[in-house]
Amino acid sequence: MHEARSAAKHKRLSGRAEHRCGSRPEGPWKKALKPREEVEETKEVKVSTTDPDSGYMVRDGKPEGFFYLDHRTVDGKYNVITDVHVTAGNVHDSVPYLTRLDRQCERFKFQVEAVALDAGYLTNPICRGLEERQIYGVIAHRRFQPVKGLFPKAKFRYNAEHDHYTCPNGQELPYRTTDRQGYRQYASDPKLCQDCPLLQTCTRSANRRKVVTRHVWEASKEKMRENRLSRSGKQLYRKRKETIERSFADAKELHGFRYFRLRGLANVTEQALLTAAVQNMKKVANHLDRQAKQA
């Protein structure tokens, strides 16, 4: 499949988030945010000349190129596929998740109690969304590589009662402001930092000020981490290899799902739905057969 590069010009609002993270705390002592400025920029986008609906995917440990992604959901008891949704390969896994979850609950009247997701779904909006829906979420840990030679964020302890961070040397980083993306900033005092023996492993900023950010929905993400480390969370996540991972493996090995036969999002979606229907029919048939033998 060939590719072409196209320059797509679009308008963006500087500093605008793709989702609303909640209202920013304001008060008489707070400065008003500066008006958003419209900025025109040119972005280079890779477009396939043979299948423009596909998306160019670049991921660690994955082949690079134009792909489609099949986002599917299975139930934890019988491994029946309950939802299939196809997107271009450059769409992040987390983008359609909550919408597809709500669609299943509305269409099939599911009473979802718990979900197990891989690390690609560990985002603040999903963690918050699961908490609001009162769904027990278990999401795999995502490892972020800190800047070489500097302390990782985990070295800075957060005090929820007093709303500040404490650095490895014991200095408090009080709340300073909240940006448009919903991240609260906690900043150190440069006068204290300049004589700190840990300065070289803490920050490389010219003004010697360390800034730690915390999303306004960070508490929801921390709740998901607690779920993952709990006994029930570990048991639930272990079932992924028997359910969703098995479902994808069967589709690839037994139903030719490694490659799509036709081009275009509509055709790819049709193949994905037919594949899921065949897998479900086999699941139902096997389950009924076991029931008949036990009777």
C-alpha atoms as a PDB file:
ATOM      1  CA  MET A   1       0.000   0.000   0.000  1.00  0.00           C
ATOM      2  CA  HIS A   2       1.425   3.334  -1.032  1.00  0.00           C
ATOM      3  CA  GLU A   3       1.422   6.530   0.933  1.00  0.00           C
ATOM      4  CA  ALA A   4       1.348  10.232   0.178  1.00  0.00           C
ATOM      5  CA  ARG A   5       2.072  13.218   2.334  1.00  0.00           C
ATOM      6  CA  SER A   6      -0.420  16.050   2.353  1.00  0.00           C
ATOM      7  CA  ALA A   7      -0.180  19.368   4.156  1.00  0.00           C
ATOM      8  CA  ALA A   8      -3.439  19.921   6.004  1.00  0.00           C
ATOM      9  CA  LYS A   9      -3.983  23.486   7.147  1.00  0.00           C
ATOM     10  CA  HIS A  10      -6.347  23.916  10.056  1.00  0.00           C
ATOM     11  CA  LYS A  11      -7.193  26.384  12.777  1.00  0.00           C
ATOM     12  CA  ARG A  12      -6.587  25.580  16.371  1.00  0.00           C
ATOM     13  CA  LEU A  13      -7.216  27.370  19.625  1.00  0.00           C
ATOM     14  CA  SER A  14      -3.936  27.700  21.467  1.00  0.00           C
ATOM     15  CA  GLY A  15      -3.943  25.660  24.649  1.00  0.00           C
ATOM     16  CA  ARG A  16      -7.389  24.200  24.037  1.00  0.00           C
ATOM     17  CA  ALA A  17      -8.009  20.736  25.426  1.00  0.00           C
ATOM     18  CA  GLU A  18      -9.769  18.050  23.396  1.00  0.00           C
ATOM     19  CA  HIS A  19     -12.105  17.346  26.293  1.00  0.00           C
ATOM     20  CA  ARG A  20     -13.459  19.317  29.195  1.00  0.00           C
ATOM     21  CA  CYS A  21     -11.737  18.444  32.430  1.00  0.00           C
ATOM     22  CA  GLY A  22     -13.983  20.361  34.777  1.00  0.00           C
ATOM     23  CA  SER A  23     -14.164  23.976  35.827  1.00  0.00           C
ATOM     24  CA  ARG A  24     -11.046  25.700  36.979  1.00  0.00           C
ATOM     25  CA  PRO A  25     -11.108  26.933  40.586  1.00  0.00           C
ATOM     26  CA  GLU A  26     -11.403  30.689  40.515  1.00  0.00           C
ATOM     27  CA  GLY A  27     -11.497  33.388  43.133  1.00  0.00           C
ATOM     28  CA  PRO A  28     -11.003  37.106  43.587  1.00  0.00           C
ATOM     29  CA  TRP A  29      -7.233  36.569  43.918  1.00  0.00           C
ATOM     30  CA  LYS A  30      -7.000  34.675  40.620  1.00  0.00           C
ATOM     31  CA  LYS A  31      -6.006  36.327  37.392  1.00  0.00           C
ATOM     32  CA  ALA A  32      -8.413  35.792  34.526  1.00  0.00           C
ATOM     33  CA  LEU A  33      -7.165  33.500  31.780  1.00  0.00           C
ATOM     34  CA  LYS A  34      -5.922  35.260  28.685  1.00  0.00           C
ATOM     35  CA  PRO A  35      -8.312  35.123  25.719  1.00  0.00           C
ATOM     36  CA  ARG A  36      -7.655  32.200  23.427  1.00  0.00           C
ATOM     37  CA  GLU A  37      -5.872  33.180  20.281  1.00  0.00           C
ATOM     38  CA  GLU A  38      -6.645  31.537  16.980  1.00  0.00           C
ATOM     39  CA  VAL A  39      -3.460  30.287  15.390  1.00  0.00           C
ATOM     40  CA  GLU A  40      -3.144  28.926  11.885  1.00  0.00           C
ATOM     41  CA  GLU A  41      -0.611  26.199  11.441  1.00  0.00           C
ATOM     42  CA  THR A  42       0.293  23.688   8.777  1.00  0.00           C
ATOM     43  CA  LYS A  43       0.471  20.046   9.730  1.00  0.00           C
ATOM     44  CA  GLU A  44       1.922  17.287   7.588  1.00  0.00           C
ATOM     45  CA  VAL A  45      -0.340  14.232   7.437  1.00  0.00           C
ATOM     46  CA  LYS A  46       0.383  10.875   5.833  1.00  0.00           C
ATOM     47  CA  VAL A  47      -2.454   9.746   3.582  1.00  0.00           C
ATOM     48  CA  SER A  48      -2.645   6.436   1.741  1.00  0.00           C
ATOM     49  CA  THR A  49      -3.121   6.787  -2.014  1.00  0.00           C
ATOM     50  CA  THR A  50      -4.925   3.431  -2.204  1.00  0.00           C
ATOM     51  CA  ASP A  51      -7.063   3.600   0.963  1.00  0.00           C
ATOM     52  CA  PRO A  52      -7.497   7.123   2.388  1.00  0.00           C
ATOM     53  CA  ASP A  53      -9.758   5.820   5.177  1.00  0.00           C
ATOM     54  CA  SER A  54      -6.866   3.971   6.823  1.00  0.00           C
ATOM     55  CA  GLY A  55      -4.532   5.675   9.295  1.00  0.00           C
ATOM     56  CA  TYR A  56      -0.757   5.652   9.645  1.00  0.00           C
ATOM     57  CA  MET A  57       0.090   3.873  12.888  1.00  0.00           C
ATOM     58  CA  VAL A  58       3.359   4.244  14.786  1.00  0.00           C
ATOM     59  CA  ARG A  59       3.600   2.247  18.023  1.00  0.00           C
ATOM     60  CA  ASP A  60       6.400   0.654  19.994  1.00  0.00           C
ATOM     61  CA  GLY A  61       6.687  -3.038  19.231  1.00  0.00           C
ATOM     62  CA  LYS A  62       4.206  -2.813  16.336  1.00  0.00           C
ATOM     63  CA  PRO A  63       4.769  -2.664  12.566  1.00  0.00           C
ATOM     64  CA  GLU A  64       4.658   0.847  11.161  1.00  0.00           C
ATOM     65  CA  GLY A  65       2.296   1.630   8.326  1.00  0.00           C
ATOM     66  CA  PHE A  66      -1.333   2.132   7.307  1.00  0.00           C
ATOM     67  CA  PHE A  67      -3.764   0.090   9.383  1.00  0.00           C
ATOM     68  CA  TYR A  68      -7.259  -0.193  10.782  1.00  0.00           C
ATOM     69  CA  LEU A  69      -7.969  -0.959  14.434  1.00  0.00           C
ATOM     70  CA  ASP A  70     -10.737  -3.245  15.635  1.00  0.00           C
ATOM     71  CA  HIS A  71     -12.015  -2.214  19.084  1.00  0.00           C
ATOM     72  CA  ARG A  72     -14.081  -5.044  20.512  1.00  0.00           C
ATOM     73  CA  THR A  73     -15.690  -5.876  23.843  1.00  0.00           C
ATOM     74  CA  VAL A  74     -16.391  -9.348  25.235  1.00  0.00           C
ATOM     75  CA  ASP A  75     -18.288 -10.515  28.292  1.00  0.00           C
ATOM     76  CA  GLY A  76     -16.350 -12.109  31.121  1.00  0.00           C
ATOM     77  CA  LYS A  77     -18.422 -15.291  31.450  1.00  0.00           C
ATOM     78  CA  TYR A  78     -18.873 -16.754  27.974  1.00  0.00           C
ATOM     79  CA  ASN A  79     -16.459 -14.568  25.963  1.00  0.00           C
ATOM     80  CA  VAL A  80     -19.243 -13.493  23.622  1.00  0.00           C
ATOM     81  CA  ILE A  81     -18.355 -10.411  21.566  1.00  0.00           C
ATOM     82  CA  THR A  82     -20.771  -7.654  22.538  1.00  0.00           C
ATOM     83  CA  ASP A  83     -19.396  -4.768  20.492  1.00  0.00           C
ATOM     84  CA  VAL A  84     -17.209  -4.195  17.423  1.00  0.00           C
ATOM     85  CA  HIS A  85     -16.011  -0.793  16.306  1.00  0.00           C
ATOM     86  CA  VAL A  86     -13.420  -0.125  13.596  1.00  0.00           C
ATOM     87  CA  THR A  87     -11.327   3.044  13.369  1.00  0.00           C
ATOM     88  CA  ALA A  88      -8.331   4.187  11.378  1.00  0.00           C
ATOM     89  CA  GLY A  89      -4.974   3.056  12.727  1.00  0.00           C
ATOM     90  CA  ASN A  90      -3.992   6.522  13.927  1.00  0.00           C
ATOM     91  CA  VAL A  91      -6.957   6.779  16.331  1.00  0.00           C
ATOM     92  CA  HIS A  92      -5.917   6.116  19.926  1.00  0.00           C
ATOM     93  CA  ASP A  93      -7.571   3.150  21.639  1.00  0.00           C
ATOM     94  CA  SER A  94      -9.006   5.323  24.397  1.00  0.00           C
ATOM     95  CA  VAL A  95     -10.884   7.734  22.108  1.00  0.00           C
ATOM     96  CA  PRO A  96     -14.029   5.672  21.337  1.00  0.00           C
ATOM     97  CA  TYR A  97     -14.103   3.637  24.556  1.00  0.00           C
ATOM     98  CA  LEU A  98     -16.633   5.445  26.769  1.00  0.00           C
ATOM     99  CA  THR A  99     -18.961   6.085  23.843  1.00  0.00           C
ATOM    100  CA  ARG A 100     -18.975   2.399  22.916  1.00  0.00           C
ATOM    101  CA  LEU A 101     -19.461   1.389  26.550  1.00  0.00           C
ATOM    102  CA  ASP A 102     -22.513   3.645  26.870  1.00  0.00           C
ATOM    103  CA  ARG A 103     -23.902   2.340  23.586  1.00  0.00           C
ATOM    104  CA  GLN A 104     -23.824  -1.255  24.843  1.00  0.00           C
ATOM    105  CA  CYS A 105     -25.445  -0.334  28.149  1.00  0.00           C
ATOM    106  CA  GLU A 106     -28.232   1.567  26.383  1.00  0.00           C
ATOM    107  CA  ARG A 107     -28.809  -0.979  23.618  1.00  0.00           C
ATOM    108  CA  PHE A 108     -28.562  -4.229  25.587  1.00  0.00           C
ATOM    109  CA  LYS A 109     -29.458  -2.898  29.055  1.00  0.00           C
ATOM    110  CA  PHE A 110     -26.202  -4.265  30.452  1.00  0.00           C
ATOM    111  CA  GLN A 111     -25.553  -3.709  34.136  1.00  0.00           C
ATOM    112  CA  VAL A 112     -21.770  -3.457  33.889  1.00  0.00           C
ATOM    113  CA  GLU A 113     -20.094  -4.118  37.228  1.00  0.00           C
ATOM    114  CA  ALA A 114     -16.413  -4.321  36.244  1.00  0.00           C
ATOM    115  CA  VAL A 115     -14.129  -3.922  33.233  1.00  0.00           C
ATOM    116  CA  ALA A 116     -10.525  -4.976  32.580  1.00  0.00           C
ATOM    117  CA  LEU A 117      -8.523  -2.892  30.104  1.00  0.00           C
ATOM    118  CA  ASP A 118      -4.958  -2.790  28.870  1.00  0.00           C
ATOM    119  CA  ALA A 119      -2.547   0.094  29.419  1.00  0.00           C
ATOM    120  CA  GLY A 120      -3.706   2.008  26.343  1.00  0.00           C
ATOM    121  CA  TYR A 121      -6.891   2.937  28.188  1.00  0.00           C
ATOM    122  CA  LEU A 122      -5.165   4.423  31.240  1.00  0.00           C
ATOM    123  CA  THR A 123      -6.237   8.022  30.635  1.00  0.00           C
ATOM    124  CA  ASN A 124      -7.759  10.551  32.986  1.00  0.00           C
ATOM    125  CA  PRO A 125     -11.100  10.817  31.093  1.00  0.00           C
ATOM    126  CA  ILE A 126     -11.623   7.032  31.082  1.00  0.00           C
ATOM    127  CA  CYS A 127     -10.733   6.677  34.763  1.00  0.00           C
ATOM    128  CA  ARG A 128     -13.100   9.512  35.608  1.00  0.00           C
ATOM    129  CA  GLY A 129     -15.801   8.118  33.330  1.00  0.00           C
ATOM    130  CA  LEU A 130     -15.700   4.688  34.945  1.00  0.00           C
ATOM    131  CA  GLU A 131     -15.862   6.229  38.404  1.00  0.00           C
ATOM    132  CA  GLU A 132     -18.875   8.350  37.442  1.00  0.00           C
ATOM    133  CA  ARG A 133     -20.602   5.261  36.043  1.00  0.00           C
ATOM    134  CA  GLN A 134     -19.805   3.356  39.261  1.00  0.00           C
ATOM    135  CA  ILE A 135     -17.932   0.666  37.323  1.00  0.00           C
ATOM    136  CA  TYR A 136     -15.038  -1.174  38.946  1.00  0.00           C
ATOM    137  CA  GLY A 137     -12.164  -0.577  36.558  1.00  0.00           C
ATOM    138  CA  VAL A 138      -8.894  -2.504  36.344  1.00  0.00           C
ATOM    139  CA  ILE A 139      -6.409  -0.976  33.905  1.00  0.00           C
ATOM    140  CA  ALA A 140      -2.878  -2.166  33.255  1.00  0.00           C
ATOM    141  CA  HIS A 141       0.007   0.021  34.353  1.00  0.00           C
ATOM    142  CA  ARG A 142       1.656   2.278  31.799  1.00  0.00           C
ATOM    143  CA  ARG A 143       5.358   2.872  32.346  1.00  0.00           C
ATOM    144  CA  PHE A 144       6.603   6.370  31.612  1.00  0.00           C
ATOM    145  CA  GLN A 145      10.337   6.874  31.219  1.00  0.00           C
ATOM    146  CA  PRO A 146      11.502   9.891  33.264  1.00  0.00           C
ATOM    147  CA  VAL A 147      14.136  12.264  31.929  1.00  0.00           C
ATOM    148  CA  LYS A 148      17.472  10.527  32.343  1.00  0.00           C
ATOM    149  CA  GLY A 149      19.243  11.712  35.473  1.00  0.00           C
ATOM    150  CA  LEU A 150      16.172  13.351  37.061  1.00  0.00           C
ATOM    151  CA  PHE A 151      13.807  12.152  39.779  1.00  0.00           C
ATOM    152  CA  PRO A 152      10.604  10.536  38.521  1.00  0.00           C
ATOM    153  CA  LYS A 153       7.311  12.059  39.615  1.00  0.00           C
ATOM    154  CA  ALA A 154       6.776   9.139  42.016  1.00  0.00           C
ATOM    155  CA  LYS A 155       9.520  10.577  44.237  1.00  0.00           C
ATOM    156  CA  PHE A 156       7.317  13.590  44.990  1.00  0.00           C
ATOM    157  CA  ARG A 157       4.656  12.751  47.617  1.00  0.00           C
ATOM    158  CA  TYR A 158       1.221  14.331  47.336  1.00  0.00           C
ATOM    159  CA  ASN A 159      -0.588  15.515  50.468  1.00  0.00           C
ATOM    160  CA  ALA A 160      -4.313  15.559  49.688  1.00  0.00           C
ATOM    161  CA  GLU A 161      -5.274  17.218  52.963  1.00  0.00           C
ATOM    162  CA  HIS A 162      -3.091  20.278  52.430  1.00  0.00           C
ATOM    163  CA  ASP A 163      -3.005  20.045  48.609  1.00  0.00           C
ATOM    164  CA  HIS A 164       0.733  20.188  48.068  1.00  0.00           C
ATOM    165  CA  TYR A 165       3.642  17.999  46.996  1.00  0.00           C
ATOM    166  CA  THR A 166       6.769  17.295  49.026  1.00  0.00           C
ATOM    167  CA  CYS A 167      10.081  16.876  47.210  1.00  0.00           C
ATOM    168  CA  PRO A 168      12.722  14.236  48.121  1.00  0.00           C
ATOM    169  CA  ASN A 169      14.555  16.897  50.156  1.00  0.00           C
ATOM    170  CA  GLY A 170      11.458  17.766  52.211  1.00  0.00           C
ATOM    171  CA  GLN A 171      10.486  21.071  50.586  1.00  0.00           C
ATOM    172  CA  GLU A 172       6.773  21.673  50.023  1.00  0.00           C
ATOM    173  CA  LEU A 173       5.534  22.530  46.544  1.00  0.00           C
ATOM    174  CA  PRO A 174       2.247  24.448  47.004  1.00  0.00           C
ATOM    175  CA  TYR A 175      -0.488  24.781  44.412  1.00  0.00           C
ATOM    176  CA  ARG A 176       0.166  27.566  41.940  1.00  0.00           C
ATOM    177  CA  THR A 177      -2.329  27.511  39.048  1.00  0.00           C
ATOM    178  CA  THR A 178      -4.355  25.300  36.696  1.00  0.00           C
ATOM    179  CA  ASP A 179      -3.749  25.297  32.953  1.00  0.00           C
ATOM    180  CA  ARG A 180      -6.335  24.937  30.192  1.00  0.00           C
ATOM    181  CA  GLN A 181      -5.695  21.199  29.861  1.00  0.00           C
ATOM    182  CA  GLY A 182      -6.854  20.633  33.441  1.00  0.00           C
ATOM    183  CA  TYR A 183      -3.432  20.139  35.041  1.00  0.00           C
ATOM    184  CA  ARG A 184      -2.831  21.727  38.426  1.00  0.00           C
ATOM    185  CA  GLN A 185       0.706  23.024  38.827  1.00  0.00           C
ATOM    186  CA  TYR A 186       2.674  22.807  42.068  1.00  0.00           C
ATOM    187  CA  ALA A 187       5.848  24.893  42.132  1.00  0.00           C
ATOM    188  CA  SER A 188       8.821  25.050  44.461  1.00  0.00           C
ATOM    189  CA  ASP A 189      10.546  28.141  45.847  1.00  0.00           C
ATOM    190  CA  PRO A 190      13.658  28.889  43.715  1.00  0.00           C
ATOM    191  CA  LYS A 191      15.368  30.549  46.679  1.00  0.00           C
ATOM    192  CA  LEU A 192      15.277  27.266  48.569  1.00  0.00           C
ATOM    193  CA  CYS A 193      16.057  25.144  45.530  1.00  0.00           C
ATOM    194  CA  GLN A 194      19.264  26.965  44.574  1.00  0.00           C
ATOM    195  CA  ASP A 195      21.074  25.641  47.680  1.00  0.00           C
ATOM    196  CA  CYS A 196      19.490  22.164  47.558  1.00  0.00           C
ATOM    197  CA  PRO A 197      22.032  19.321  47.298  1.00  0.00           C
ATOM    198  CA  LEU A 198      19.578  17.392  45.068  1.00  0.00           C
ATOM    199  CA  LEU A 199      19.057  20.221  42.569  1.00  0.00           C
ATOM    200  CA  GLN A 200      20.937  18.539  39.711  1.00  0.00           C
ATOM    201  CA  THR A 201      18.773  15.418  39.954  1.00  0.00           C
ATOM    202  CA  CYS A 202      15.534  17.351  40.455  1.00  0.00           C
ATOM    203  CA  THR A 203      15.243  19.999  37.739  1.00  0.00           C
ATOM    204  CA  ARG A 204      17.213  21.606  34.930  1.00  0.00           C
ATOM    205  CA  SER A 205      15.087  24.746  34.680  1.00  0.00           C
ATOM    206  CA  ALA A 206      17.008  27.997  34.340  1.00  0.00           C
ATOM    207  CA  ASN A 207      15.140  29.641  37.236  1.00  0.00           C
ATOM    208  CA  ARG A 208      15.800  26.612  39.528  1.00  0.00           C
ATOM    209  CA  ARG A 209      12.089  26.060  40.079  1.00  0.00           C
ATOM    210  CA  LYS A 210      10.619  22.567  40.116  1.00  0.00           C
ATOM    211  CA  VAL A 211       7.057  22.259  38.810  1.00  0.00           C
ATOM    212  CA  VAL A 212       4.980  19.106  39.352  1.00  0.00           C
ATOM    213  CA  THR A 213       1.644  18.755  37.576  1.00  0.00           C
ATOM    214  CA  ARG A 214      -1.436  16.861  38.707  1.00  0.00           C
ATOM    215  CA  HIS A 215      -4.588  16.459  36.650  1.00  0.00           C
ATOM    216  CA  VAL A 216      -7.866  17.503  38.245  1.00  0.00           C
ATOM    217  CA  TRP A 217      -9.029  13.905  37.712  1.00  0.00           C
ATOM    218  CA  GLU A 218      -5.832  12.327  39.017  1.00  0.00           C
ATOM    219  CA  ALA A 219      -7.675  10.909  42.032  1.00  0.00           C
ATOM    220  CA  SER A 220      -9.769   8.767  39.681  1.00  0.00           C
ATOM    221  CA  LYS A 221      -6.631   7.378  38.060  1.00  0.00           C
ATOM    222  CA  GLU A 222      -5.165   6.613  41.474  1.00  0.00           C
ATOM    223  CA  LYS A 223      -8.346   4.703  42.304  1.00  0.00           C
ATOM    224  CA  MET A 224      -7.809   2.568  39.212  1.00  0.00           C
ATOM    225  CA  ARG A 225      -4.265   1.833  40.359  1.00  0.00           C
ATOM    226  CA  GLU A 226      -5.599   0.667  43.729  1.00  0.00           C
ATOM    227  CA  ASN A 227      -8.070  -1.598  41.941  1.00  0.00           C
ATOM    228  CA  ARG A 228      -5.305  -3.089  39.822  1.00  0.00           C
ATOM    229  CA  LEU A 229      -3.196  -3.940  42.872  1.00  0.00           C
ATOM    230  CA  SER A 230      -6.092  -5.436  44.848  1.00  0.00           C
ATOM    231  CA  ARG A 231      -6.690  -9.188  44.985  1.00  0.00           C
ATOM    232  CA  SER A 232      -9.958  -8.991  43.038  1.00  0.00           C
ATOM    233  CA  GLY A 233      -8.343  -6.668  40.494  1.00  0.00           C
ATOM    234  CA  LYS A 234      -5.490  -9.091  39.837  1.00  0.00           C
ATOM    235  CA  GLN A 235      -7.937 -11.958  39.376  1.00  0.00           C
ATOM    236  CA  LEU A 236     -10.063  -9.924  36.996  1.00  0.00           C
ATOM    237  CA  TYR A 237      -7.127  -8.803  34.873  1.00  0.00           C
ATOM    238  CA  ARG A 238      -5.735 -12.333  34.602  1.00  0.00           C
ATOM    239  CA  LYS A 239      -8.954 -13.347  32.839  1.00  0.00           C
ATOM    240  CA  ARG A 240      -8.080 -11.057  29.912  1.00  0.00           C
ATOM    241  CA  LYS A 241      -5.830 -13.730  28.404  1.00  0.00           C
ATOM    242  CA  GLU A 242      -8.796 -16.132  28.444  1.00  0.00           C
ATOM    243  CA  THR A 243     -11.332 -13.653  27.080  1.00  0.00           C
ATOM    244  CA  ILE A 244     -10.439 -10.661  24.917  1.00  0.00           C
ATOM    245  CA  GLU A 245      -6.905 -11.828  24.064  1.00  0.00           C
ATOM    246  CA  ARG A 246      -8.258 -15.256  23.127  1.00  0.00           C
ATOM    247  CA  SER A 247     -10.977 -13.630  21.042  1.00  0.00           C
ATOM    248  CA  PHE A 248      -8.484 -11.653  18.964  1.00  0.00           C
ATOM    249  CA  ALA A 249      -6.144 -14.646  18.656  1.00  0.00           C
ATOM    250  CA  ASP A 250      -8.950 -16.871  17.335  1.00  0.00           C
ATOM    251  CA  ALA A 251      -9.976 -14.195  14.851  1.00  0.00           C
ATOM    252  CA  LYS A 252      -6.432 -13.912  13.502  1.00  0.00           C
ATOM    253  CA  GLU A 253      -5.511 -17.591  13.494  1.00  0.00           C
ATOM    254  CA  LEU A 254      -8.828 -19.140  12.446  1.00  0.00           C
ATOM    255  CA  HIS A 255     -10.724 -16.437  10.561  1.00  0.00           C
ATOM    256  CA  GLY A 256      -8.138 -14.567   8.470  1.00  0.00           C
ATOM    257  CA  PHE A 257      -8.389 -11.421  10.561  1.00  0.00           C
ATOM    258  CA  ARG A 258      -4.766 -10.412  10.149  1.00  0.00           C
ATOM    259  CA  TYR A 259      -5.618  -8.729   6.850  1.00  0.00           C
ATOM    260  CA  PHE A 260      -8.727  -7.039   5.541  1.00  0.00           C
ATOM    261  CA  ARG A 261      -9.971  -8.182   2.151  1.00  0.00           C
ATOM    262  CA  LEU A 262     -11.443  -4.906   0.915  1.00  0.00           C
ATOM    263  CA  ARG A 263     -10.533  -1.250   1.235  1.00  0.00           C
ATOM    264  CA  GLY A 264     -12.518   1.502   2.902  1.00  0.00           C
ATOM    265  CA  LEU A 265     -13.862   1.887   6.424  1.00  0.00           C
ATOM    266  CA  ALA A 266     -17.321   0.560   5.541  1.00  0.00           C
ATOM    267  CA  ASN A 267     -15.936  -2.626   3.975  1.00  0.00           C
ATOM    268  CA  VAL A 268     -13.492  -3.194   6.810  1.00  0.00           C
ATOM    269  CA  THR A 269     -16.273  -2.746   9.366  1.00  0.00           C
ATOM    270  CA  GLU A 270     -18.397  -5.259   7.472  1.00  0.00           C
ATOM    271  CA  GLN A 271     -15.622  -7.877   7.631  1.00  0.00           C
ATOM    272  CA  ALA A 272     -15.057  -7.211  11.335  1.00  0.00           C
ATOM    273  CA  LEU A 273     -18.771  -7.614  12.112  1.00  0.00           C
ATOM    274  CA  LEU A 274     -19.066 -10.822  10.076  1.00  0.00           C
ATOM    275  CA  THR A 275     -16.002 -12.267  11.784  1.00  0.00           C
ATOM    276  CA  ALA A 276     -17.437 -11.439  15.203  1.00  0.00           C
ATOM    277  CA  ALA A 277     -20.802 -12.974  14.231  1.00  0.00           C
ATOM    278  CA  VAL A 278     -19.109 -16.224  13.212  1.00  0.00           C
ATOM    279  CA  GLN A 279     -17.124 -16.362  16.435  1.00  0.00           C
ATOM    280  CA  ASN A 280     -20.251 -15.743  18.483  1.00  0.00           C
ATOM    281  CA  MET A 281     -22.180 -18.475  16.685  1.00  0.00           C
ATOM    282  CA  LYS A 282     -19.394 -20.919  17.482  1.00  0.00           C
ATOM    283  CA  LYS A 283     -19.417 -19.827  21.130  1.00  0.00           C
ATOM    284  CA  VAL A 284     -23.186 -20.251  21.419  1.00  0.00           C
ATOM    285  CA  ALA A 285     -23.102 -23.637  19.677  1.00  0.00           C
ATOM    286  CA  ASN A 286     -20.322 -24.941  21.916  1.00  0.00           C
ATOM    287  CA  HIS A 287     -22.092 -23.709  25.042  1.00  0.00           C
ATOM    288  CA  LEU A 288     -25.405 -25.328  24.042  1.00  0.00           C
ATOM    289  CA  ASP A 289     -23.576 -28.548  23.227  1.00  0.00           C
ATOM    290  CA  ARG A 290     -21.976 -28.632  26.681  1.00  0.00           C
ATOM    291  CA  GLN A 291     -25.355 -27.979  28.288  1.00  0.00           C
ATOM    292  CA  ALA A 292     -26.908 -30.855  26.333  1.00  0.00           C
ATOM    293  CA  LYS A 293     -24.161 -33.257  27.397  1.00  0.00           C
ATOM    294  CA  GLN A 294     -24.548 -32.265  31.043  1.00  0.00           C
ATOM    295  CA  ALA A 295     -28.323 -32.745  30.960  1.00  0.00           C
END
